[in-house]
N, C-alpha and C. Protein backbone atom coordinates (compact mmCIF):
# COMPACT_ATOMS: atom_id res chain seq x y z
N MET A 1 -3.79 30.86 -17.43
CA MET A 1 -4.75 31.12 -18.50
C MET A 1 -4.34 30.34 -19.75
N ASP A 2 -5.29 29.68 -20.35
CA ASP A 2 -5.03 28.95 -21.58
C ASP A 2 -5.00 29.92 -22.75
N LEU A 3 -4.11 29.66 -23.68
CA LEU A 3 -4.03 30.47 -24.88
C LEU A 3 -5.03 29.95 -25.91
N THR A 4 -5.73 30.87 -26.55
CA THR A 4 -6.69 30.50 -27.59
C THR A 4 -5.96 30.38 -28.93
N GLU A 5 -6.65 29.88 -29.94
CA GLU A 5 -6.06 29.81 -31.28
C GLU A 5 -5.71 31.21 -31.77
N GLN A 6 -6.56 32.17 -31.43
CA GLN A 6 -6.29 33.56 -31.83
C GLN A 6 -5.02 34.08 -31.16
N ASP A 7 -4.82 33.75 -29.87
CA ASP A 7 -3.59 34.15 -29.18
C ASP A 7 -2.37 33.54 -29.87
N ILE A 8 -2.45 32.27 -30.20
CA ILE A 8 -1.35 31.56 -30.89
C ILE A 8 -1.05 32.25 -32.22
N TYR A 9 -2.10 32.62 -32.94
CA TYR A 9 -1.94 33.30 -34.22
C TYR A 9 -1.19 34.63 -34.05
N PHE A 10 -1.59 35.45 -33.09
CA PHE A 10 -0.93 36.74 -32.87
C PHE A 10 0.51 36.55 -32.40
N LEU A 11 0.75 35.54 -31.57
CA LEU A 11 2.11 35.25 -31.13
C LEU A 11 2.97 34.78 -32.30
N SER A 12 2.39 34.06 -33.25
CA SER A 12 3.15 33.62 -34.41
C SER A 12 3.53 34.82 -35.28
N ILE A 13 2.68 35.83 -35.32
CA ILE A 13 3.02 37.05 -36.07
C ILE A 13 4.16 37.79 -35.36
N ALA A 14 4.09 37.85 -34.03
CA ALA A 14 5.19 38.46 -33.26
C ALA A 14 6.50 37.71 -33.53
N LYS A 15 6.42 36.39 -33.62
CA LYS A 15 7.62 35.59 -33.92
C LYS A 15 8.17 35.94 -35.30
N GLU A 16 7.29 36.10 -36.28
CA GLU A 16 7.73 36.46 -37.64
C GLU A 16 8.46 37.80 -37.63
N TRP A 17 7.93 38.76 -36.88
CA TRP A 17 8.60 40.06 -36.76
C TRP A 17 9.97 39.89 -36.10
N ALA A 18 10.06 39.02 -35.10
CA ALA A 18 11.34 38.77 -34.43
C ALA A 18 12.35 38.18 -35.41
N MET A 19 11.88 37.32 -36.28
CA MET A 19 12.77 36.64 -37.22
C MET A 19 13.38 37.60 -38.25
N VAL A 20 12.72 38.71 -38.53
CA VAL A 20 13.26 39.67 -39.51
C VAL A 20 13.91 40.88 -38.84
N SER A 21 14.12 40.79 -37.55
CA SER A 21 14.81 41.87 -36.84
C SER A 21 16.25 41.98 -37.34
N PRO A 22 16.73 43.19 -37.56
CA PRO A 22 18.12 43.35 -37.98
C PRO A 22 19.11 43.29 -36.81
N CYS A 23 18.62 43.13 -35.60
CA CYS A 23 19.50 43.09 -34.43
C CYS A 23 20.45 41.90 -34.53
N LEU A 24 21.72 42.17 -34.26
CA LEU A 24 22.74 41.12 -34.33
C LEU A 24 22.81 40.29 -33.06
N SER A 25 22.13 40.73 -32.00
CA SER A 25 22.17 40.04 -30.73
C SER A 25 21.02 39.05 -30.59
N ARG A 26 19.78 39.56 -30.76
CA ARG A 26 18.63 38.67 -30.62
C ARG A 26 17.40 39.35 -31.21
N GLY A 27 16.58 38.57 -31.90
CA GLY A 27 15.37 39.10 -32.52
C GLY A 27 14.19 39.07 -31.57
N ILE A 28 13.50 40.20 -31.49
CA ILE A 28 12.30 40.31 -30.66
C ILE A 28 11.21 40.93 -31.52
N GLY A 29 9.98 40.43 -31.37
CA GLY A 29 8.85 40.96 -32.12
C GLY A 29 7.68 41.22 -31.20
N ALA A 30 6.81 42.15 -31.60
CA ALA A 30 5.63 42.49 -30.81
C ALA A 30 4.49 42.92 -31.73
N VAL A 31 3.27 42.63 -31.30
CA VAL A 31 2.07 42.96 -32.06
C VAL A 31 1.03 43.56 -31.10
N VAL A 32 0.44 44.69 -31.48
CA VAL A 32 -0.63 45.30 -30.70
C VAL A 32 -1.96 44.93 -31.35
N VAL A 33 -2.88 44.40 -30.54
CA VAL A 33 -4.18 43.94 -31.04
C VAL A 33 -5.27 44.61 -30.21
N ASN A 34 -6.25 45.21 -30.88
CA ASN A 34 -7.32 45.88 -30.13
C ASN A 34 -8.34 44.88 -29.60
N LYS A 35 -9.33 45.41 -28.87
CA LYS A 35 -10.35 44.56 -28.22
C LYS A 35 -11.17 43.76 -29.23
N ASN A 36 -11.22 44.23 -30.47
CA ASN A 36 -12.00 43.53 -31.51
C ASN A 36 -11.17 42.49 -32.26
N GLY A 37 -9.92 42.31 -31.85
CA GLY A 37 -9.07 41.32 -32.51
C GLY A 37 -8.40 41.82 -33.77
N ASN A 38 -8.34 43.14 -33.95
CA ASN A 38 -7.68 43.71 -35.12
C ASN A 38 -6.26 44.12 -34.77
N ILE A 39 -5.33 43.81 -35.65
CA ILE A 39 -3.94 44.22 -35.45
C ILE A 39 -3.82 45.71 -35.74
N LEU A 40 -3.31 46.45 -34.75
CA LEU A 40 -3.11 47.88 -34.91
C LEU A 40 -1.70 48.22 -35.37
N GLY A 41 -0.74 47.40 -34.95
CA GLY A 41 0.64 47.65 -35.32
C GLY A 41 1.53 46.52 -34.88
N ALA A 42 2.70 46.44 -35.49
CA ALA A 42 3.68 45.40 -35.15
C ALA A 42 5.06 46.00 -35.31
N GLY A 43 6.02 45.39 -34.63
CA GLY A 43 7.38 45.89 -34.74
C GLY A 43 8.38 44.88 -34.21
N ASN A 44 9.65 45.19 -34.45
CA ASN A 44 10.73 44.38 -33.90
C ASN A 44 11.80 45.31 -33.35
N ASN A 45 12.82 44.73 -32.73
CA ASN A 45 13.90 45.56 -32.23
C ASN A 45 14.76 45.95 -33.42
N SER A 46 14.70 47.22 -33.76
CA SER A 46 15.42 47.76 -34.91
C SER A 46 15.69 49.24 -34.67
N TRP A 47 16.25 49.90 -35.66
CA TRP A 47 16.69 51.28 -35.49
C TRP A 47 15.70 52.26 -36.08
N ASN A 48 15.96 53.53 -35.77
CA ASN A 48 15.17 54.61 -36.33
C ASN A 48 15.29 54.58 -37.85
N ASP A 49 14.24 55.01 -38.52
CA ASP A 49 14.30 55.10 -39.98
C ASP A 49 15.48 55.99 -40.37
N GLY A 50 16.28 55.52 -41.30
CA GLY A 50 17.43 56.29 -41.78
C GLY A 50 18.72 56.01 -41.03
N PHE A 51 18.64 55.36 -39.88
CA PHE A 51 19.84 55.02 -39.11
C PHE A 51 20.16 53.56 -39.37
N HIS A 52 21.39 53.26 -39.65
CA HIS A 52 21.74 51.90 -40.06
C HIS A 52 22.18 51.00 -38.92
N GLY A 53 22.41 51.54 -37.76
CA GLY A 53 22.70 50.73 -36.58
C GLY A 53 23.91 49.85 -36.72
N CYS A 54 23.86 48.73 -36.03
CA CYS A 54 25.01 47.81 -35.94
C CYS A 54 25.24 47.02 -37.22
N SER A 55 24.23 46.89 -38.05
CA SER A 55 24.34 46.00 -39.20
C SER A 55 25.41 46.47 -40.18
N ASN A 56 25.70 47.78 -40.21
CA ASN A 56 26.77 48.26 -41.10
C ASN A 56 28.13 47.75 -40.65
N GLU A 57 28.36 47.72 -39.34
CA GLU A 57 29.63 47.26 -38.81
C GLU A 57 29.65 45.74 -38.63
N MET A 58 28.48 45.11 -38.68
CA MET A 58 28.33 43.67 -38.47
C MET A 58 28.88 43.24 -37.11
N VAL A 59 28.72 44.12 -36.12
CA VAL A 59 29.16 43.81 -34.78
C VAL A 59 28.19 44.46 -33.78
N CYS A 60 27.85 43.73 -32.75
CA CYS A 60 26.95 44.23 -31.72
C CYS A 60 27.79 44.92 -30.64
N PRO A 61 27.57 46.21 -30.38
CA PRO A 61 28.39 46.90 -29.38
C PRO A 61 28.25 46.31 -27.97
N ARG A 62 27.09 45.76 -27.66
CA ARG A 62 26.90 45.15 -26.34
C ARG A 62 27.70 43.86 -26.22
N LYS A 63 27.67 43.05 -27.26
CA LYS A 63 28.40 41.77 -27.23
C LYS A 63 29.91 41.98 -27.19
N THR A 64 30.40 42.98 -27.94
CA THR A 64 31.85 43.21 -27.96
C THR A 64 32.36 43.67 -26.60
N LYS A 65 31.47 44.27 -25.81
CA LYS A 65 31.87 44.72 -24.47
C LYS A 65 31.56 43.67 -23.40
N GLY A 66 31.04 42.51 -23.82
CA GLY A 66 30.81 41.41 -22.89
C GLY A 66 29.53 41.49 -22.06
N PHE A 67 28.61 42.35 -22.46
CA PHE A 67 27.36 42.46 -21.71
C PHE A 67 26.47 41.25 -21.96
N LYS A 68 25.72 40.85 -20.94
CA LYS A 68 24.73 39.79 -21.05
C LYS A 68 23.40 40.42 -21.47
N SER A 69 22.44 39.57 -21.80
CA SER A 69 21.12 40.06 -22.16
C SER A 69 20.56 40.90 -21.02
N GLY A 70 20.03 42.06 -21.36
CA GLY A 70 19.47 42.96 -20.36
C GLY A 70 20.48 43.90 -19.74
N GLU A 71 21.74 43.81 -20.14
CA GLU A 71 22.79 44.67 -19.61
C GLU A 71 23.37 45.53 -20.73
N GLY A 72 23.91 46.70 -20.37
CA GLY A 72 24.57 47.57 -21.34
C GLY A 72 23.66 48.15 -22.39
N LEU A 73 22.39 48.29 -22.05
CA LEU A 73 21.42 48.76 -23.05
C LEU A 73 21.67 50.19 -23.50
N ASP A 74 22.42 50.96 -22.71
CA ASP A 74 22.72 52.33 -23.12
C ASP A 74 23.68 52.36 -24.32
N THR A 75 24.31 51.23 -24.65
CA THR A 75 25.20 51.16 -25.81
C THR A 75 24.48 50.62 -27.05
N CYS A 76 23.23 50.22 -26.88
CA CYS A 76 22.46 49.62 -27.98
C CYS A 76 21.65 50.68 -28.71
N PRO A 77 21.80 50.79 -30.03
CA PRO A 77 21.06 51.80 -30.78
C PRO A 77 19.62 51.38 -31.15
N ALA A 78 19.23 50.17 -30.80
CA ALA A 78 17.91 49.67 -31.22
C ALA A 78 16.78 50.27 -30.39
N ILE A 79 15.63 50.41 -31.04
CA ILE A 79 14.37 50.73 -30.37
C ILE A 79 13.72 49.38 -30.09
N HIS A 80 13.22 49.18 -28.90
CA HIS A 80 12.64 47.89 -28.54
C HIS A 80 11.39 47.60 -29.36
N ALA A 81 11.15 46.32 -29.58
CA ALA A 81 10.02 45.86 -30.40
C ALA A 81 8.69 46.36 -29.86
N GLU A 82 8.53 46.34 -28.54
CA GLU A 82 7.28 46.78 -27.93
C GLU A 82 7.00 48.24 -28.28
N VAL A 83 8.04 49.07 -28.21
CA VAL A 83 7.89 50.50 -28.52
C VAL A 83 7.58 50.69 -30.00
N ASN A 84 8.30 49.99 -30.87
CA ASN A 84 8.02 50.10 -32.31
C ASN A 84 6.58 49.70 -32.63
N ALA A 85 6.09 48.63 -32.02
CA ALA A 85 4.71 48.18 -32.27
C ALA A 85 3.71 49.24 -31.79
N ILE A 86 3.95 49.80 -30.61
CA ILE A 86 3.05 50.83 -30.08
C ILE A 86 3.07 52.08 -30.96
N LEU A 87 4.26 52.51 -31.39
CA LEU A 87 4.36 53.68 -32.26
C LEU A 87 3.62 53.46 -33.58
N ARG A 88 3.77 52.28 -34.15
CA ARG A 88 3.06 51.98 -35.41
C ARG A 88 1.55 51.89 -35.18
N SER A 89 1.15 51.47 -34.00
CA SER A 89 -0.28 51.39 -33.67
C SER A 89 -0.92 52.76 -33.62
N THR A 90 -0.19 53.72 -33.07
CA THR A 90 -0.76 55.06 -32.95
C THR A 90 -0.92 55.72 -34.31
N SER A 91 -0.12 55.32 -35.29
CA SER A 91 -0.25 55.91 -36.62
C SER A 91 -1.42 55.32 -37.39
N SER A 92 -2.02 54.24 -36.88
CA SER A 92 -3.16 53.63 -37.58
C SER A 92 -4.43 54.45 -37.41
N GLY A 93 -4.43 55.34 -36.42
CA GLY A 93 -5.61 56.16 -36.18
C GLY A 93 -6.66 55.45 -35.34
N ASP A 94 -6.44 54.18 -35.03
CA ASP A 94 -7.36 53.41 -34.21
C ASP A 94 -7.06 53.68 -32.74
N PHE A 95 -7.99 53.33 -31.90
CA PHE A 95 -7.87 53.58 -30.47
C PHE A 95 -7.11 52.44 -29.82
N ILE A 96 -5.95 52.75 -29.22
CA ILE A 96 -5.07 51.72 -28.65
C ILE A 96 -5.47 51.35 -27.22
N TRP A 97 -6.18 52.24 -26.52
CA TRP A 97 -6.54 52.01 -25.12
C TRP A 97 -7.29 50.69 -24.96
N GLY A 98 -6.86 49.86 -24.03
CA GLY A 98 -7.53 48.59 -23.77
C GLY A 98 -7.04 47.44 -24.64
N SER A 99 -6.02 47.69 -25.46
CA SER A 99 -5.50 46.67 -26.36
C SER A 99 -4.62 45.66 -25.61
N SER A 100 -4.20 44.63 -26.35
CA SER A 100 -3.27 43.62 -25.85
C SER A 100 -1.98 43.71 -26.65
N LEU A 101 -0.88 43.37 -26.00
CA LEU A 101 0.43 43.36 -26.65
C LEU A 101 0.96 41.93 -26.61
N TYR A 102 1.19 41.36 -27.78
CA TYR A 102 1.73 40.00 -27.90
C TYR A 102 3.22 40.12 -28.21
N CYS A 103 4.04 39.57 -27.33
CA CYS A 103 5.50 39.71 -27.44
C CYS A 103 6.17 38.37 -27.66
N TRP A 104 7.13 38.36 -28.58
CA TRP A 104 7.99 37.19 -28.76
C TRP A 104 9.29 37.48 -28.00
N CYS A 105 9.14 37.53 -26.67
CA CYS A 105 10.26 37.80 -25.76
C CYS A 105 9.76 37.58 -24.33
N GLY A 106 10.64 37.80 -23.38
CA GLY A 106 10.26 37.70 -21.98
C GLY A 106 9.51 38.94 -21.52
N VAL A 107 9.38 39.08 -20.21
CA VAL A 107 8.68 40.24 -19.63
C VAL A 107 9.34 41.52 -20.13
N PRO A 108 8.56 42.49 -20.59
CA PRO A 108 9.14 43.74 -21.08
C PRO A 108 9.98 44.45 -20.02
N CYS A 109 10.98 45.18 -20.49
CA CYS A 109 11.88 45.91 -19.61
C CYS A 109 11.16 47.07 -18.93
N LYS A 110 11.84 47.70 -17.99
CA LYS A 110 11.23 48.80 -17.23
C LYS A 110 10.84 49.97 -18.14
N TRP A 111 11.63 50.27 -19.18
CA TRP A 111 11.30 51.37 -20.07
C TRP A 111 10.06 51.04 -20.90
N CYS A 112 10.03 49.85 -21.45
CA CYS A 112 8.86 49.44 -22.25
C CYS A 112 7.62 49.34 -21.36
N ALA A 113 7.80 48.87 -20.12
CA ALA A 113 6.66 48.74 -19.21
C ALA A 113 5.97 50.08 -19.01
N GLY A 114 6.74 51.14 -18.80
CA GLY A 114 6.15 52.47 -18.63
C GLY A 114 5.39 52.93 -19.86
N ILE A 115 5.94 52.66 -21.03
CA ILE A 115 5.29 53.05 -22.29
C ILE A 115 4.01 52.22 -22.49
N ILE A 116 4.07 50.94 -22.17
CA ILE A 116 2.90 50.06 -22.27
C ILE A 116 1.77 50.58 -21.40
N VAL A 117 2.10 50.92 -20.15
CA VAL A 117 1.10 51.43 -19.21
C VAL A 117 0.49 52.73 -19.74
N ASN A 118 1.34 53.67 -20.13
CA ASN A 118 0.83 54.98 -20.58
C ASN A 118 0.09 54.91 -21.91
N ALA A 119 0.35 53.89 -22.71
CA ALA A 119 -0.39 53.71 -23.96
C ALA A 119 -1.79 53.14 -23.70
N GLY A 120 -2.01 52.62 -22.49
CA GLY A 120 -3.32 52.08 -22.15
C GLY A 120 -3.50 50.61 -22.48
N ILE A 121 -2.40 49.92 -22.74
CA ILE A 121 -2.48 48.48 -23.03
C ILE A 121 -2.81 47.76 -21.73
N LYS A 122 -3.74 46.81 -21.81
CA LYS A 122 -4.25 46.16 -20.60
C LYS A 122 -3.76 44.73 -20.40
N LYS A 123 -3.25 44.08 -21.47
CA LYS A 123 -2.74 42.71 -21.36
C LYS A 123 -1.44 42.61 -22.13
N VAL A 124 -0.48 41.90 -21.53
CA VAL A 124 0.79 41.62 -22.20
C VAL A 124 1.01 40.12 -22.18
N TYR A 125 1.23 39.54 -23.35
CA TYR A 125 1.56 38.13 -23.50
C TYR A 125 3.06 38.05 -23.73
N CYS A 126 3.77 37.26 -22.93
CA CYS A 126 5.23 37.18 -23.06
C CYS A 126 5.73 35.83 -22.56
N PHE A 127 7.00 35.51 -22.89
CA PHE A 127 7.61 34.26 -22.45
C PHE A 127 7.63 34.19 -20.93
N ASP A 128 7.52 32.99 -20.44
CA ASP A 128 7.78 32.73 -19.03
C ASP A 128 9.24 32.30 -18.97
N ASP A 129 10.13 33.28 -19.06
CA ASP A 129 11.55 32.99 -19.18
C ASP A 129 12.34 33.90 -18.26
N ARG A 130 12.74 33.37 -17.13
CA ARG A 130 13.50 34.14 -16.15
C ARG A 130 15.01 34.04 -16.40
N SER A 131 15.41 33.28 -17.42
CA SER A 131 16.84 33.10 -17.66
C SER A 131 17.41 34.19 -18.55
N VAL A 132 16.56 35.00 -19.17
CA VAL A 132 17.03 36.05 -20.08
C VAL A 132 17.05 37.37 -19.34
N GLY A 133 18.17 38.02 -19.33
CA GLY A 133 18.30 39.33 -18.69
C GLY A 133 18.55 39.21 -17.20
N SER A 134 18.91 40.34 -16.63
CA SER A 134 19.16 40.34 -15.18
C SER A 134 17.83 40.27 -14.44
N ILE A 135 17.84 39.63 -13.29
CA ILE A 135 16.63 39.45 -12.51
C ILE A 135 16.01 40.80 -12.13
N SER A 136 16.84 41.77 -11.69
CA SER A 136 16.29 43.07 -11.29
C SER A 136 15.69 43.80 -12.48
N TYR A 137 16.27 43.64 -13.65
CA TYR A 137 15.79 44.27 -14.87
C TYR A 137 14.40 43.74 -15.23
N ILE A 138 14.24 42.43 -15.16
CA ILE A 138 12.95 41.80 -15.44
C ILE A 138 11.95 42.13 -14.34
N ALA A 139 12.39 42.04 -13.11
CA ALA A 139 11.50 42.26 -11.97
C ALA A 139 10.91 43.66 -11.96
N LEU A 140 11.68 44.67 -12.32
CA LEU A 140 11.17 46.04 -12.31
C LEU A 140 10.11 46.24 -13.39
N GLY A 141 10.35 45.71 -14.59
CA GLY A 141 9.34 45.79 -15.64
C GLY A 141 8.06 45.10 -15.23
N GLU A 142 8.20 43.92 -14.65
CA GLU A 142 7.04 43.15 -14.18
C GLU A 142 6.30 43.89 -13.07
N LYS A 143 7.05 44.47 -12.14
CA LYS A 143 6.44 45.21 -11.03
C LYS A 143 5.65 46.41 -11.54
N ILE A 144 6.22 47.16 -12.47
CA ILE A 144 5.53 48.32 -13.04
C ILE A 144 4.22 47.89 -13.68
N LEU A 145 4.27 46.86 -14.51
CA LEU A 145 3.06 46.39 -15.20
C LEU A 145 2.00 45.94 -14.19
N GLN A 146 2.41 45.14 -13.21
CA GLN A 146 1.45 44.61 -12.23
C GLN A 146 0.83 45.72 -11.39
N GLU A 147 1.65 46.63 -10.88
CA GLU A 147 1.13 47.69 -10.02
C GLU A 147 0.22 48.65 -10.77
N CYS A 148 0.39 48.73 -12.08
CA CYS A 148 -0.44 49.63 -12.89
C CYS A 148 -1.64 48.91 -13.51
N GLY A 149 -1.87 47.67 -13.11
CA GLY A 149 -3.08 46.96 -13.53
C GLY A 149 -3.02 46.30 -14.90
N VAL A 150 -1.80 46.10 -15.43
CA VAL A 150 -1.66 45.41 -16.71
C VAL A 150 -1.53 43.92 -16.41
N GLU A 151 -2.40 43.12 -17.03
CA GLU A 151 -2.36 41.67 -16.84
C GLU A 151 -1.21 41.09 -17.66
N ILE A 152 -0.38 40.29 -17.02
CA ILE A 152 0.74 39.63 -17.69
C ILE A 152 0.38 38.16 -17.87
N ILE A 153 0.36 37.72 -19.12
CA ILE A 153 0.03 36.33 -19.43
C ILE A 153 1.31 35.71 -20.01
N THR A 154 1.86 34.76 -19.28
CA THR A 154 3.10 34.14 -19.73
C THR A 154 2.83 32.80 -20.41
N TYR A 155 3.75 32.43 -21.26
CA TYR A 155 3.63 31.18 -22.00
C TYR A 155 5.02 30.63 -22.28
N SER A 156 5.07 29.38 -22.62
CA SER A 156 6.30 28.73 -23.05
C SER A 156 6.39 28.87 -24.57
N LYS A 157 7.51 29.38 -25.08
CA LYS A 157 7.60 29.55 -26.53
C LYS A 157 7.56 28.20 -27.25
N GLU A 158 8.06 27.15 -26.60
CA GLU A 158 7.99 25.81 -27.21
C GLU A 158 6.54 25.36 -27.36
N PHE A 159 5.71 25.67 -26.35
CA PHE A 159 4.29 25.33 -26.40
C PHE A 159 3.61 26.05 -27.56
N VAL A 160 3.90 27.35 -27.71
CA VAL A 160 3.28 28.13 -28.79
C VAL A 160 3.73 27.61 -30.15
N GLU A 161 5.02 27.33 -30.30
CA GLU A 161 5.50 26.81 -31.58
C GLU A 161 4.84 25.48 -31.93
N GLU A 162 4.68 24.61 -30.94
CA GLU A 162 4.03 23.32 -31.16
C GLU A 162 2.55 23.53 -31.55
N LYS A 163 1.85 24.41 -30.84
CA LYS A 163 0.43 24.66 -31.13
C LYS A 163 0.26 25.27 -32.51
N PHE A 164 1.18 26.17 -32.91
CA PHE A 164 1.09 26.79 -34.21
C PHE A 164 1.29 25.75 -35.32
N LEU A 165 2.21 24.84 -35.11
CA LEU A 165 2.43 23.77 -36.10
C LEU A 165 1.18 22.90 -36.21
N ASP A 166 0.50 22.62 -35.08
CA ASP A 166 -0.75 21.86 -35.10
C ASP A 166 -1.83 22.59 -35.89
N MET A 167 -1.89 23.91 -35.75
CA MET A 167 -2.90 24.72 -36.46
C MET A 167 -2.66 24.71 -37.96
N GLU A 168 -1.39 24.62 -38.38
CA GLU A 168 -1.06 24.64 -39.81
C GLU A 168 -1.46 23.35 -40.52
N LYS A 169 -1.62 22.27 -39.76
CA LYS A 169 -1.95 20.96 -40.37
C LYS A 169 -3.37 20.93 -40.87
């Protein structure tokens, strides 16, 4: 599926959210957009309000224990970007069912996949990147989304960045 200018725009917003993530390991951003093209909510991988997370110690507990991306998540205090975006969407009072989720990351994890399905999101845009995270971790999230009828639209982040720069000209 080709990405439209509107898709590129929403992905660029997800990228902006990723860039301001306080996570010391990697920034991830997500944006929920309804069927009418309105942004319902956005978020990044960060902590609960009032909790200062890893940034106080300036050390990532997963990295200090040698975990790779997608491993040791039980030691990470962050809430995933997809979940934060969905939670902020529900507070808008708008109807989230049938919306799309634009992610500045790879295929959502198994936990996010379940939340995406139960929130009624019907499309997920994410990196086509199998090198991040463990294969089983990615595969289970992808399997959950596919079996529950959520369309997964993958893209190359380099392609999106190039297209966004073209749009700015």
